[in-house]
Amino acid sequence: MKKALILGASGGIGSAVANNLKKQYWDVTSLSRSLNQFDITNEDSVQASLSSVRGPFNYILIATGALEIKSTPEKSINHLSKSNMIDHFVTNTIGPALILKHIRLLLDKKSSSIVSVLSARVGSIEDNKLGGWYSYRAAKAAVNQIVKSFSIELSRSHPKACLLAIHPGTVDTNLTHKYSSNYPKQTPAEAAQNILDVTLNKDTSHTGKFFDWANKEIPW
């Protein structure tokens, strides 16, 4: 039986991916703040939580993150604040980075494995045509850099592993409902199926890349 680890499994996307895999008879392990007191902002919590699960895993999804933390996304640089930027980097960059730091022991060096990190198209510098959303954009661009850098390092110790970033599209969840009225939306179940269709079909030739829900590569 294939094994999957879903981090952020109580969120709309994470829970939908976990449920999808269970229906396909995967052995799914779920971690989240509400389910297991899994705190991605605390390295001791990350290390303890990852040490408590039994690998190796064929598939790992880091589905953590937040668009709105204590304030709405900045429309202008005049709205930018140090505290909001710190909050976004802690949640959207440092949290996933700490998970990746401790994830190698959950992967088999001799078997193929896929690790996918939820990112966002707005984290693409080249794709930025609208501006704004400074803290969220910057934090997602930073986590993309973490994914790219660690994919190179991971390939040395785990040559059959694939690490990639995935943009799930606009999903009808609590994270996006205030900002998605002008965009076509997917249900969490639809997004989960798209994410799995894209990520589970990747191999080592795709490691260190950034894809959207429709399987199109996004420029960094």
N, C-alpha and C. Protein backbone atom coordinates (compact mmCIF):
# COMPACT_ATOMS: atom_id res chain seq x y z
N MET A 1 0.84 -1.20 0.00
CA MET A 1 0.00 0.00 0.00
C MET A 1 0.88 1.25 0.00
N LYS A 2 0.54 2.21 -0.85
CA LYS A 2 1.30 3.45 -0.90
C LYS A 2 0.96 4.32 0.31
N LYS A 3 1.96 5.09 0.74
CA LYS A 3 1.79 5.91 1.94
C LYS A 3 1.94 7.38 1.59
N ALA A 4 1.06 8.19 2.18
CA ALA A 4 1.10 9.64 1.96
C ALA A 4 1.09 10.36 3.30
N LEU A 5 1.76 11.51 3.32
CA LEU A 5 1.75 12.39 4.49
C LEU A 5 1.23 13.75 4.03
N ILE A 6 0.15 14.22 4.68
CA ILE A 6 -0.44 15.50 4.34
C ILE A 6 -0.25 16.43 5.53
N LEU A 7 0.47 17.53 5.30
CA LEU A 7 0.73 18.52 6.34
C LEU A 7 -0.15 19.73 6.09
N GLY A 8 -0.91 20.14 7.11
CA GLY A 8 -1.95 21.13 6.90
C GLY A 8 -3.24 20.45 6.49
N ALA A 9 -3.47 19.28 7.07
CA ALA A 9 -4.56 18.42 6.61
C ALA A 9 -5.94 18.85 7.09
N SER A 10 -6.03 19.87 7.94
CA SER A 10 -7.35 20.32 8.35
C SER A 10 -7.86 21.47 7.48
N GLY A 11 -7.01 22.00 6.60
CA GLY A 11 -7.43 23.05 5.69
C GLY A 11 -8.26 22.49 4.55
N GLY A 12 -8.86 23.39 3.78
CA GLY A 12 -9.74 22.95 2.71
C GLY A 12 -9.05 22.08 1.69
N ILE A 13 -7.86 22.48 1.24
CA ILE A 13 -7.14 21.71 0.23
C ILE A 13 -6.53 20.46 0.85
N GLY A 14 -5.87 20.61 1.99
CA GLY A 14 -5.22 19.46 2.61
C GLY A 14 -6.18 18.35 2.94
N SER A 15 -7.32 18.70 3.51
CA SER A 15 -8.30 17.66 3.87
C SER A 15 -8.88 16.99 2.63
N ALA A 16 -9.08 17.77 1.56
CA ALA A 16 -9.62 17.20 0.33
C ALA A 16 -8.63 16.24 -0.32
N VAL A 17 -7.34 16.59 -0.30
CA VAL A 17 -6.32 15.69 -0.84
C VAL A 17 -6.25 14.41 -0.02
N ALA A 18 -6.28 14.55 1.31
CA ALA A 18 -6.24 13.37 2.17
C ALA A 18 -7.42 12.45 1.90
N ASN A 19 -8.62 13.01 1.79
CA ASN A 19 -9.82 12.21 1.53
C ASN A 19 -9.75 11.53 0.16
N ASN A 20 -9.23 12.25 -0.82
CA ASN A 20 -9.10 11.69 -2.17
C ASN A 20 -8.19 10.46 -2.14
N LEU A 21 -7.06 10.60 -1.49
CA LEU A 21 -6.10 9.48 -1.45
C LEU A 21 -6.65 8.29 -0.67
N LYS A 22 -7.38 8.56 0.39
CA LYS A 22 -7.97 7.47 1.17
C LYS A 22 -8.96 6.67 0.31
N LYS A 23 -9.70 7.38 -0.54
CA LYS A 23 -10.64 6.69 -1.43
C LYS A 23 -9.92 5.81 -2.45
N GLN A 24 -8.65 6.14 -2.70
CA GLN A 24 -7.84 5.34 -3.61
C GLN A 24 -7.01 4.29 -2.84
N TYR A 25 -7.34 4.11 -1.56
CA TYR A 25 -6.75 3.09 -0.70
C TYR A 25 -5.28 3.36 -0.39
N TRP A 26 -4.92 4.64 -0.33
CA TRP A 26 -3.62 5.00 0.20
C TRP A 26 -3.68 4.95 1.73
N ASP A 27 -2.54 4.70 2.33
CA ASP A 27 -2.37 4.82 3.78
C ASP A 27 -1.97 6.28 4.03
N VAL A 28 -2.89 7.06 4.59
CA VAL A 28 -2.69 8.51 4.71
C VAL A 28 -2.46 8.90 6.17
N THR A 29 -1.39 9.63 6.41
CA THR A 29 -1.11 10.24 7.71
C THR A 29 -1.34 11.73 7.59
N SER A 30 -2.10 12.30 8.53
CA SER A 30 -2.46 13.71 8.48
C SER A 30 -1.90 14.44 9.70
N LEU A 31 -1.35 15.63 9.45
CA LEU A 31 -0.87 16.49 10.53
C LEU A 31 -1.43 17.90 10.32
N SER A 32 -1.87 18.51 11.40
CA SER A 32 -2.33 19.90 11.35
C SER A 32 -2.37 20.45 12.76
N ARG A 33 -2.50 21.77 12.85
CA ARG A 33 -2.57 22.40 14.16
C ARG A 33 -3.78 21.91 14.95
N SER A 34 -4.94 21.84 14.29
CA SER A 34 -6.16 21.48 15.01
C SER A 34 -6.23 20.00 15.34
N LEU A 35 -5.63 19.16 14.49
CA LEU A 35 -5.67 17.72 14.72
C LEU A 35 -4.60 17.23 15.69
N ASN A 36 -3.40 17.79 15.56
CA ASN A 36 -2.25 17.24 16.30
C ASN A 36 -1.41 18.29 17.01
N GLN A 37 -1.90 19.53 17.10
CA GLN A 37 -1.10 20.63 17.65
C GLN A 37 0.22 20.80 16.88
N PHE A 38 0.16 20.56 15.58
CA PHE A 38 1.32 20.69 14.71
C PHE A 38 1.50 22.16 14.35
N ASP A 39 2.54 22.77 14.90
CA ASP A 39 2.77 24.20 14.76
C ASP A 39 3.97 24.45 13.85
N ILE A 40 3.72 24.86 12.62
CA ILE A 40 4.81 25.03 11.66
C ILE A 40 5.69 26.21 12.00
N THR A 41 5.25 27.07 12.91
CA THR A 41 6.07 28.23 13.29
C THR A 41 7.04 27.91 14.41
N ASN A 42 6.98 26.69 14.91
CA ASN A 42 7.84 26.27 16.03
C ASN A 42 8.63 25.03 15.61
N GLU A 43 9.95 25.16 15.51
CA GLU A 43 10.73 24.05 14.99
C GLU A 43 10.67 22.83 15.90
N ASP A 44 10.58 23.03 17.20
CA ASP A 44 10.47 21.88 18.11
C ASP A 44 9.19 21.09 17.81
N SER A 45 8.10 21.81 17.54
CA SER A 45 6.85 21.15 17.21
C SER A 45 6.97 20.41 15.88
N VAL A 46 7.60 21.05 14.90
CA VAL A 46 7.77 20.41 13.59
C VAL A 46 8.59 19.13 13.73
N GLN A 47 9.71 19.21 14.44
CA GLN A 47 10.58 18.05 14.58
C GLN A 47 9.89 16.93 15.35
N ALA A 48 9.20 17.29 16.44
CA ALA A 48 8.52 16.28 17.24
C ALA A 48 7.40 15.61 16.44
N SER A 49 6.65 16.39 15.69
CA SER A 49 5.53 15.84 14.91
C SER A 49 6.04 14.92 13.81
N LEU A 50 7.07 15.34 13.11
CA LEU A 50 7.59 14.51 12.02
C LEU A 50 8.30 13.27 12.56
N SER A 51 8.85 13.37 13.76
CA SER A 51 9.48 12.20 14.37
C SER A 51 8.45 11.18 14.84
N SER A 52 7.21 11.62 15.02
CA SER A 52 6.17 10.74 15.56
C SER A 52 5.47 9.92 14.48
N VAL A 53 5.68 10.26 13.21
CA VAL A 53 4.99 9.54 12.13
C VAL A 53 5.90 8.47 11.57
N ARG A 54 5.31 7.48 10.97
CA ARG A 54 6.07 6.34 10.46
C ARG A 54 6.14 6.38 8.93
N GLY A 55 7.32 6.59 8.42
CA GLY A 55 7.55 6.57 6.98
C GLY A 55 8.11 5.22 6.56
N PRO A 56 8.70 5.10 5.40
CA PRO A 56 8.84 6.19 4.43
C PRO A 56 7.54 6.41 3.67
N PHE A 57 7.42 7.62 3.10
CA PHE A 57 6.23 8.00 2.37
C PHE A 57 6.53 8.11 0.88
N ASN A 58 5.56 7.68 0.09
CA ASN A 58 5.68 7.82 -1.37
C ASN A 58 5.31 9.23 -1.82
N TYR A 59 4.46 9.87 -1.03
CA TYR A 59 3.96 11.20 -1.41
C TYR A 59 3.80 12.05 -0.16
N ILE A 60 4.32 13.27 -0.23
CA ILE A 60 4.16 14.23 0.85
C ILE A 60 3.65 15.54 0.26
N LEU A 61 2.61 16.09 0.86
CA LEU A 61 2.08 17.39 0.46
C LEU A 61 2.15 18.35 1.63
N ILE A 62 2.83 19.47 1.43
CA ILE A 62 2.87 20.54 2.43
C ILE A 62 1.79 21.55 2.02
N ALA A 63 0.64 21.46 2.66
CA ALA A 63 -0.53 22.25 2.29
C ALA A 63 -0.81 23.34 3.31
N THR A 64 0.25 23.88 3.90
CA THR A 64 0.09 24.94 4.89
C THR A 64 0.15 26.30 4.21
N GLY A 65 -0.25 27.34 4.93
CA GLY A 65 -0.14 28.69 4.39
C GLY A 65 -1.35 29.53 4.72
N ALA A 66 -1.20 30.84 4.51
CA ALA A 66 -2.29 31.77 4.79
C ALA A 66 -2.15 32.99 3.90
N LEU A 67 -3.28 33.47 3.39
CA LEU A 67 -3.30 34.68 2.58
C LEU A 67 -3.53 35.91 3.46
N GLU A 68 -4.46 35.79 4.37
CA GLU A 68 -4.77 36.89 5.28
C GLU A 68 -4.47 36.42 6.70
N ILE A 69 -3.55 37.12 7.37
CA ILE A 69 -3.17 36.69 8.72
C ILE A 69 -3.78 37.65 9.75
N LYS A 70 -3.25 38.86 9.83
CA LYS A 70 -3.84 39.84 10.76
C LYS A 70 -4.43 41.03 10.03
N SER A 71 -4.16 41.12 8.75
CA SER A 71 -4.71 42.23 7.96
C SER A 71 -4.89 41.76 6.53
N THR A 72 -5.61 42.54 5.74
CA THR A 72 -5.84 42.18 4.35
C THR A 72 -4.57 42.41 3.53
N PRO A 73 -4.43 41.73 2.39
CA PRO A 73 -3.26 41.95 1.53
C PRO A 73 -3.14 43.41 1.11
N GLU A 74 -1.91 43.90 1.06
CA GLU A 74 -1.67 45.31 0.77
C GLU A 74 -1.98 45.63 -0.70
N LYS A 75 -2.80 46.65 -0.92
CA LYS A 75 -3.04 47.13 -2.28
C LYS A 75 -1.96 48.10 -2.72
N SER A 76 -1.31 48.74 -1.76
CA SER A 76 -0.26 49.71 -2.04
C SER A 76 0.88 49.49 -1.06
N ILE A 77 2.08 49.88 -1.45
CA ILE A 77 3.22 49.77 -0.54
C ILE A 77 3.03 50.65 0.69
N ASN A 78 2.15 51.65 0.59
CA ASN A 78 1.86 52.50 1.74
C ASN A 78 1.18 51.73 2.87
N HIS A 79 0.60 50.58 2.53
CA HIS A 79 -0.08 49.77 3.54
C HIS A 79 0.85 48.72 4.16
N LEU A 80 2.06 48.65 3.67
CA LEU A 80 2.99 47.63 4.14
C LEU A 80 3.42 47.90 5.58
N SER A 81 3.53 46.83 6.36
CA SER A 81 4.02 46.97 7.73
C SER A 81 5.00 45.86 8.05
N LYS A 82 5.94 46.16 8.90
CA LYS A 82 6.94 45.18 9.31
C LYS A 82 6.29 43.95 9.93
N SER A 83 5.34 44.15 10.80
CA SER A 83 4.72 43.02 11.50
C SER A 83 3.98 42.10 10.55
N ASN A 84 3.30 42.67 9.57
CA ASN A 84 2.57 41.85 8.61
C ASN A 84 3.53 41.05 7.74
N MET A 85 4.63 41.68 7.33
CA MET A 85 5.62 40.95 6.54
C MET A 85 6.22 39.80 7.33
N ILE A 86 6.53 40.05 8.58
CA ILE A 86 7.08 38.99 9.43
C ILE A 86 6.09 37.84 9.55
N ASP A 87 4.81 38.16 9.79
CA ASP A 87 3.80 37.11 9.92
C ASP A 87 3.73 36.25 8.66
N HIS A 88 3.79 36.88 7.49
CA HIS A 88 3.70 36.13 6.25
C HIS A 88 4.94 35.27 6.02
N PHE A 89 6.10 35.80 6.33
CA PHE A 89 7.31 34.99 6.14
C PHE A 89 7.34 33.83 7.13
N VAL A 90 6.91 34.05 8.35
CA VAL A 90 6.88 32.96 9.33
C VAL A 90 5.94 31.85 8.86
N THR A 91 4.76 32.22 8.39
CA THR A 91 3.75 31.23 8.01
C THR A 91 4.00 30.62 6.63
N ASN A 92 4.30 31.46 5.65
CA ASN A 92 4.35 30.99 4.26
C ASN A 92 5.73 30.62 3.75
N THR A 93 6.77 31.00 4.48
CA THR A 93 8.14 30.66 4.06
C THR A 93 8.85 29.81 5.09
N ILE A 94 8.98 30.33 6.29
CA ILE A 94 9.76 29.65 7.33
C ILE A 94 9.11 28.33 7.72
N GLY A 95 7.79 28.31 7.85
CA GLY A 95 7.10 27.07 8.21
C GLY A 95 7.39 25.93 7.25
N PRO A 96 7.10 26.11 5.95
CA PRO A 96 7.44 25.06 4.99
C PRO A 96 8.93 24.72 4.96
N ALA A 97 9.78 25.72 5.14
CA ALA A 97 11.23 25.46 5.14
C ALA A 97 11.63 24.56 6.30
N LEU A 98 11.03 24.80 7.47
CA LEU A 98 11.33 23.95 8.63
C LEU A 98 10.85 22.52 8.40
N ILE A 99 9.72 22.37 7.75
CA ILE A 99 9.24 21.03 7.42
C ILE A 99 10.23 20.33 6.51
N LEU A 100 10.65 21.02 5.46
CA LEU A 100 11.60 20.42 4.52
C LEU A 100 12.92 20.07 5.21
N LYS A 101 13.31 20.87 6.17
CA LYS A 101 14.56 20.61 6.89
C LYS A 101 14.55 19.23 7.55
N HIS A 102 13.38 18.81 8.03
CA HIS A 102 13.29 17.57 8.81
C HIS A 102 12.62 16.43 8.04
N ILE A 103 12.51 16.57 6.73
CA ILE A 103 11.68 15.62 5.99
C ILE A 103 12.46 14.45 5.41
N ARG A 104 13.77 14.55 5.35
CA ARG A 104 14.54 13.53 4.64
C ARG A 104 14.40 12.14 5.26
N LEU A 105 14.27 12.08 6.58
CA LEU A 105 14.15 10.78 7.24
C LEU A 105 12.84 10.07 6.90
N LEU A 106 11.92 10.79 6.29
CA LEU A 106 10.62 10.20 5.93
C LEU A 106 10.58 9.73 4.49
N LEU A 107 11.73 9.82 3.80
CA LEU A 107 11.81 9.40 2.40
C LEU A 107 12.80 8.26 2.27
N ASP A 108 12.50 7.32 1.40
CA ASP A 108 13.38 6.19 1.12
C ASP A 108 14.38 6.60 0.04
N LYS A 109 15.66 6.42 0.34
CA LYS A 109 16.69 6.82 -0.62
C LYS A 109 16.65 5.97 -1.89
N LYS A 110 16.11 4.76 -1.81
CA LYS A 110 16.17 3.84 -2.94
C LYS A 110 14.88 3.79 -3.75
N SER A 111 13.83 4.47 -3.25
CA SER A 111 12.53 4.41 -3.93
C SER A 111 12.11 5.79 -4.40
N SER A 112 11.28 5.82 -5.42
CA SER A 112 10.76 7.09 -5.93
C SER A 112 9.81 7.71 -4.91
N SER A 113 9.88 9.01 -4.80
CA SER A 113 8.99 9.73 -3.90
C SER A 113 8.75 11.13 -4.45
N ILE A 114 7.62 11.70 -4.08
CA ILE A 114 7.25 13.04 -4.54
C ILE A 114 6.89 13.89 -3.34
N VAL A 115 7.51 15.06 -3.26
CA VAL A 115 7.20 16.03 -2.22
C VAL A 115 6.72 17.29 -2.93
N SER A 116 5.51 17.72 -2.62
CA SER A 116 4.96 18.92 -3.26
C SER A 116 4.60 19.95 -2.20
N VAL A 117 4.90 21.19 -2.52
CA VAL A 117 4.67 22.31 -1.61
C VAL A 117 3.66 23.26 -2.24
N LEU A 118 2.57 23.56 -1.54
CA LEU A 118 1.61 24.51 -2.07
C LEU A 118 2.24 25.89 -2.12
N SER A 119 2.25 26.46 -3.29
CA SER A 119 2.72 27.83 -3.45
C SER A 119 1.57 28.64 -4.07
N ALA A 120 1.89 29.70 -4.79
CA ALA A 120 0.86 30.51 -5.43
C ALA A 120 1.46 31.22 -6.63
N ARG A 121 0.66 31.36 -7.66
CA ARG A 121 1.16 32.02 -8.88
C ARG A 121 1.66 33.43 -8.57
N VAL A 122 1.06 34.10 -7.59
CA VAL A 122 1.50 35.46 -7.26
C VAL A 122 2.92 35.49 -6.70
N GLY A 123 3.47 34.32 -6.37
CA GLY A 123 4.86 34.26 -5.94
C GLY A 123 5.84 34.28 -7.10
N SER A 124 5.35 34.18 -8.32
CA SER A 124 6.21 34.26 -9.50
C SER A 124 6.56 35.71 -9.78
N ILE A 125 7.85 36.03 -9.78
CA ILE A 125 8.29 37.39 -10.07
C ILE A 125 8.02 37.75 -11.52
N GLU A 126 8.34 36.82 -12.42
CA GLU A 126 8.15 37.09 -13.84
C GLU A 126 6.69 37.24 -14.21
N ASP A 127 5.81 36.54 -13.52
CA ASP A 127 4.39 36.55 -13.86
C ASP A 127 3.64 37.73 -13.24
N ASN A 128 4.32 38.52 -12.41
CA ASN A 128 3.66 39.61 -11.69
C ASN A 128 3.32 40.76 -12.63
N LYS A 129 2.04 40.91 -12.91
CA LYS A 129 1.58 41.97 -13.81
C LYS A 129 0.71 43.01 -13.10
N LEU A 130 0.34 42.74 -11.85
CA LEU A 130 -0.62 43.61 -11.16
C LEU A 130 -0.03 44.34 -9.97
N GLY A 131 1.07 43.84 -9.40
CA GLY A 131 1.63 44.46 -8.20
C GLY A 131 0.77 44.19 -6.98
N GLY A 132 1.05 44.91 -5.90
CA GLY A 132 0.28 44.75 -4.68
C GLY A 132 0.59 43.44 -3.96
N TRP A 133 -0.13 43.20 -2.88
CA TRP A 133 0.00 41.98 -2.09
C TRP A 133 1.47 41.70 -1.73
N TYR A 134 2.15 42.73 -1.27
CA TYR A 134 3.60 42.67 -1.10
C TYR A 134 4.06 41.54 -0.18
N SER A 135 3.48 41.45 0.98
CA SER A 135 3.95 40.46 1.96
C SER A 135 3.70 39.04 1.48
N TYR A 136 2.49 38.78 0.98
CA TYR A 136 2.15 37.44 0.51
C TYR A 136 2.97 37.06 -0.71
N ARG A 137 3.09 37.98 -1.67
CA ARG A 137 3.90 37.71 -2.86
C ARG A 137 5.35 37.40 -2.48
N ALA A 138 5.91 38.23 -1.62
CA ALA A 138 7.32 38.07 -1.26
C ALA A 138 7.55 36.76 -0.51
N ALA A 139 6.62 36.41 0.37
CA ALA A 139 6.77 35.16 1.12
C ALA A 139 6.66 33.94 0.23
N LYS A 140 5.75 34.00 -0.75
CA LYS A 140 5.61 32.88 -1.67
C LYS A 140 6.80 32.81 -2.63
N ALA A 141 7.33 33.95 -3.05
CA ALA A 141 8.54 33.94 -3.87
C ALA A 141 9.69 33.32 -3.07
N ALA A 142 9.74 33.62 -1.79
CA ALA A 142 10.80 33.07 -0.94
C ALA A 142 10.67 31.57 -0.76
N VAL A 143 9.45 31.08 -0.57
CA VAL A 143 9.29 29.63 -0.41
C VAL A 143 9.61 28.92 -1.72
N ASN A 144 9.34 29.57 -2.85
CA ASN A 144 9.74 28.99 -4.14
C ASN A 144 11.25 28.83 -4.21
N GLN A 145 11.99 29.81 -3.70
CA GLN A 145 13.44 29.71 -3.69
C GLN A 145 13.91 28.57 -2.78
N ILE A 146 13.23 28.40 -1.65
CA ILE A 146 13.55 27.28 -0.75
C ILE A 146 13.35 25.95 -1.48
N VAL A 147 12.22 25.82 -2.18
CA VAL A 147 11.94 24.59 -2.92
C VAL A 147 13.02 24.34 -3.97
N LYS A 148 13.36 25.37 -4.73
CA LYS A 148 14.37 25.21 -5.77
C LYS A 148 15.71 24.81 -5.18
N SER A 149 16.14 25.48 -4.14
CA SER A 149 17.45 25.19 -3.53
C SER A 149 17.48 23.79 -2.92
N PHE A 150 16.43 23.45 -2.17
CA PHE A 150 16.44 22.15 -1.50
C PHE A 150 16.29 21.00 -2.50
N SER A 151 15.64 21.26 -3.63
CA SER A 151 15.52 20.20 -4.63
C SER A 151 16.90 19.76 -5.11
N ILE A 152 17.82 20.70 -5.21
CA ILE A 152 19.19 20.38 -5.63
C ILE A 152 19.90 19.56 -4.56
N GLU A 153 19.77 19.99 -3.32
CA GLU A 153 20.40 19.26 -2.22
C GLU A 153 19.78 17.88 -2.04
N LEU A 154 18.44 17.81 -2.12
CA LEU A 154 17.76 16.54 -1.91
C LEU A 154 18.14 15.52 -2.98
N SER A 155 18.39 15.98 -4.19
CA SER A 155 18.73 15.06 -5.28
C SER A 155 20.06 14.35 -5.02
N ARG A 156 20.91 14.94 -4.20
CA ARG A 156 22.18 14.30 -3.88
C ARG A 156 22.01 13.15 -2.89
N SER A 157 21.15 13.32 -1.90
CA SER A 157 20.95 12.28 -0.89
C SER A 157 19.84 11.32 -1.27
N HIS A 158 18.86 11.80 -2.05
CA HIS A 158 17.71 10.99 -2.45
C HIS A 158 17.52 11.15 -3.96
N PRO A 159 18.31 10.47 -4.76
CA PRO A 159 18.32 10.68 -6.21
C PRO A 159 17.01 10.32 -6.90
N LYS A 160 16.11 9.62 -6.22
CA LYS A 160 14.84 9.26 -6.84
C LYS A 160 13.68 10.12 -6.34
N ALA A 161 14.00 11.16 -5.59
CA ALA A 161 12.95 12.04 -5.06
C ALA A 161 12.70 13.21 -6.00
N CYS A 162 11.46 13.66 -6.03
CA CYS A 162 11.06 14.83 -6.82
C CYS A 162 10.41 15.84 -5.87
N LEU A 163 10.97 17.03 -5.82
CA LEU A 163 10.43 18.11 -4.98
C LEU A 163 9.98 19.24 -5.89
N LEU A 164 8.75 19.66 -5.75
CA LEU A 164 8.23 20.70 -6.63
C LEU A 164 7.24 21.60 -5.90
N ALA A 165 6.99 22.76 -6.49
CA ALA A 165 5.98 23.68 -5.99
C ALA A 165 4.75 23.58 -6.88
N ILE A 166 3.57 23.73 -6.27
CA ILE A 166 2.32 23.58 -7.02
C ILE A 166 1.38 24.75 -6.68
N HIS A 167 0.85 25.37 -7.72
CA HIS A 167 -0.17 26.41 -7.57
C HIS A 167 -1.53 25.76 -7.77
N PRO A 168 -2.39 25.75 -6.74
CA PRO A 168 -3.64 25.00 -6.84
C PRO A 168 -4.75 25.70 -7.60
N GLY A 169 -4.51 26.94 -8.06
CA GLY A 169 -5.59 27.70 -8.66
C GLY A 169 -6.40 28.41 -7.58
N THR A 170 -7.48 29.02 -7.97
CA THR A 170 -8.36 29.71 -7.02
C THR A 170 -9.36 28.69 -6.49
N VAL A 171 -9.24 28.40 -5.22
CA VAL A 171 -10.05 27.35 -4.60
C VAL A 171 -11.02 27.99 -3.62
N ASP A 172 -12.23 27.52 -3.61
CA ASP A 172 -13.28 28.09 -2.77
C ASP A 172 -13.09 27.61 -1.33
N THR A 173 -12.22 28.32 -0.62
CA THR A 173 -11.95 28.01 0.78
C THR A 173 -12.03 29.30 1.59
N ASN A 174 -11.92 29.17 2.91
CA ASN A 174 -11.93 30.36 3.76
C ASN A 174 -10.77 31.29 3.43
N LEU A 175 -9.67 30.76 2.90
CA LEU A 175 -8.50 31.56 2.59
C LEU A 175 -8.77 32.53 1.46
N THR A 176 -9.63 32.15 0.50
CA THR A 176 -9.76 32.95 -0.73
C THR A 176 -11.12 33.60 -0.93
N HIS A 177 -12.12 33.27 -0.14
CA HIS A 177 -13.48 33.67 -0.54
C HIS A 177 -13.67 35.18 -0.62
N LYS A 178 -12.89 35.96 0.11
CA LYS A 178 -13.03 37.41 0.07
C LYS A 178 -12.37 38.04 -1.16
N TYR A 179 -11.53 37.24 -1.87
CA TYR A 179 -10.71 37.83 -2.92
C TYR A 179 -10.92 37.18 -4.29
N SER A 180 -11.88 36.30 -4.40
CA SER A 180 -11.97 35.49 -5.61
C SER A 180 -13.27 35.69 -6.39
N SER A 181 -14.00 36.76 -6.12
CA SER A 181 -15.30 36.93 -6.77
C SER A 181 -15.20 37.10 -8.27
N ASN A 182 -14.08 37.61 -8.77
CA ASN A 182 -13.93 37.85 -10.21
C ASN A 182 -13.20 36.73 -10.94
N TYR A 183 -12.93 35.64 -10.24
CA TYR A 183 -12.16 34.56 -10.84
C TYR A 183 -12.94 33.26 -10.77
N PRO A 184 -12.79 32.40 -11.78
CA PRO A 184 -13.41 31.07 -11.69
C PRO A 184 -12.80 30.29 -10.56
N LYS A 185 -13.64 29.60 -9.81
CA LYS A 185 -13.17 28.88 -8.63
C LYS A 185 -13.40 27.39 -8.77
N GLN A 186 -12.54 26.65 -8.09
CA GLN A 186 -12.70 25.21 -7.99
C GLN A 186 -13.16 24.88 -6.57
N THR A 187 -13.88 23.79 -6.43
CA THR A 187 -14.16 23.29 -5.10
C THR A 187 -12.88 22.64 -4.56
N PRO A 188 -12.75 22.47 -3.25
CA PRO A 188 -11.59 21.78 -2.71
C PRO A 188 -11.41 20.38 -3.30
N ALA A 189 -12.52 19.67 -3.55
CA ALA A 189 -12.42 18.33 -4.12
C ALA A 189 -11.85 18.37 -5.53
N GLU A 190 -12.29 19.36 -6.32
CA GLU A 190 -11.76 19.51 -7.67
C GLU A 190 -10.28 19.88 -7.64
N ALA A 191 -9.94 20.79 -6.74
CA ALA A 191 -8.53 21.19 -6.61
C ALA A 191 -7.66 20.02 -6.19
N ALA A 192 -8.15 19.22 -5.26
CA ALA A 192 -7.39 18.05 -4.81
C ALA A 192 -7.11 17.10 -5.96
N GLN A 193 -8.13 16.85 -6.77
CA GLN A 193 -7.94 15.95 -7.91
C GLN A 193 -6.92 16.52 -8.89
N ASN A 194 -6.99 17.82 -9.14
CA ASN A 194 -6.03 18.45 -10.05
C ASN A 194 -4.61 18.39 -9.50
N ILE A 195 -4.46 18.67 -8.22
CA ILE A 195 -3.14 18.63 -7.59
C ILE A 195 -2.54 17.23 -7.71
N LEU A 196 -3.34 16.22 -7.44
CA LEU A 196 -2.84 14.85 -7.51
C LEU A 196 -2.57 14.43 -8.95
N ASP A 197 -3.42 14.86 -9.88
CA ASP A 197 -3.17 14.54 -11.29
C ASP A 197 -1.83 15.10 -11.75
N VAL A 198 -1.51 16.29 -11.28
CA VAL A 198 -0.25 16.93 -11.68
C VAL A 198 0.94 16.33 -10.95
N THR A 199 0.86 16.28 -9.64
CA THR A 199 2.06 15.94 -8.86
C THR A 199 2.40 14.45 -8.90
N LEU A 200 1.39 13.59 -8.90
CA LEU A 200 1.69 12.15 -8.86
C LEU A 200 2.25 11.64 -10.18
N ASN A 201 2.18 12.44 -11.22
CA ASN A 201 2.73 12.04 -12.51
C ASN A 201 4.12 12.63 -12.77
N LYS A 202 4.72 13.20 -11.75
CA LYS A 202 6.04 13.79 -11.91
C LYS A 202 7.14 12.80 -11.48
N ASP A 203 8.35 13.04 -12.00
CA ASP A 203 9.50 12.22 -11.63
C ASP A 203 10.71 13.13 -11.46
N THR A 204 11.88 12.53 -11.37
CA THR A 204 13.07 13.32 -11.06
C THR A 204 13.40 14.37 -12.13
N SER A 205 12.89 14.20 -13.33
CA SER A 205 13.14 15.20 -14.37
C SER A 205 12.38 16.51 -14.10
N HIS A 206 11.43 16.46 -13.17
CA HIS A 206 10.62 17.64 -12.87
C HIS A 206 11.01 18.28 -11.54
N THR A 207 11.97 17.71 -10.84
CA THR A 207 12.30 18.24 -9.51
C THR A 207 12.80 19.67 -9.60
N GLY A 208 12.42 20.48 -8.61
CA GLY A 208 12.83 21.86 -8.60
C GLY A 208 12.05 22.76 -9.52
N LYS A 209 10.85 22.33 -9.95
CA LYS A 209 10.05 23.14 -10.87
C LYS A 209 8.74 23.57 -10.19
N PHE A 210 8.04 24.45 -10.87
CA PHE A 210 6.83 25.09 -10.33
C PHE A 210 5.72 24.91 -11.36
N PHE A 211 4.64 24.21 -10.95
CA PHE A 211 3.53 23.91 -11.86
C PHE A 211 2.22 24.47 -11.33
N ASP A 212 1.29 24.72 -12.25
CA ASP A 212 -0.05 25.09 -11.81
C ASP A 212 -0.97 23.88 -11.87
N TRP A 213 -2.20 24.10 -11.46
CA TRP A 213 -3.18 23.01 -11.36
C TRP A 213 -3.49 22.37 -12.71
N ALA A 214 -3.23 23.10 -13.79
CA ALA A 214 -3.49 22.56 -15.14
C ALA A 214 -2.24 21.94 -15.76
N ASN A 215 -1.22 21.74 -14.95
CA ASN A 215 0.03 21.09 -15.36
C ASN A 215 0.88 21.97 -16.27
N LYS A 216 0.72 23.28 -16.19
CA LYS A 216 1.57 24.19 -16.94
C LYS A 216 2.66 24.72 -16.01
N GLU A 217 3.89 24.74 -16.53
CA GLU A 217 5.00 25.21 -15.72
C GLU A 217 4.93 26.74 -15.58
N ILE A 218 5.14 27.21 -14.37
CA ILE A 218 5.10 28.64 -14.05
C ILE A 218 6.55 29.13 -13.93
N PRO A 219 6.87 30.28 -14.51
CA PRO A 219 8.23 30.81 -14.34
C PRO A 219 8.44 31.29 -12.91
N TRP A 220 9.66 31.16 -12.44
CA TRP A 220 9.95 31.58 -11.08
C TRP A 220 9.82 33.11 -10.95
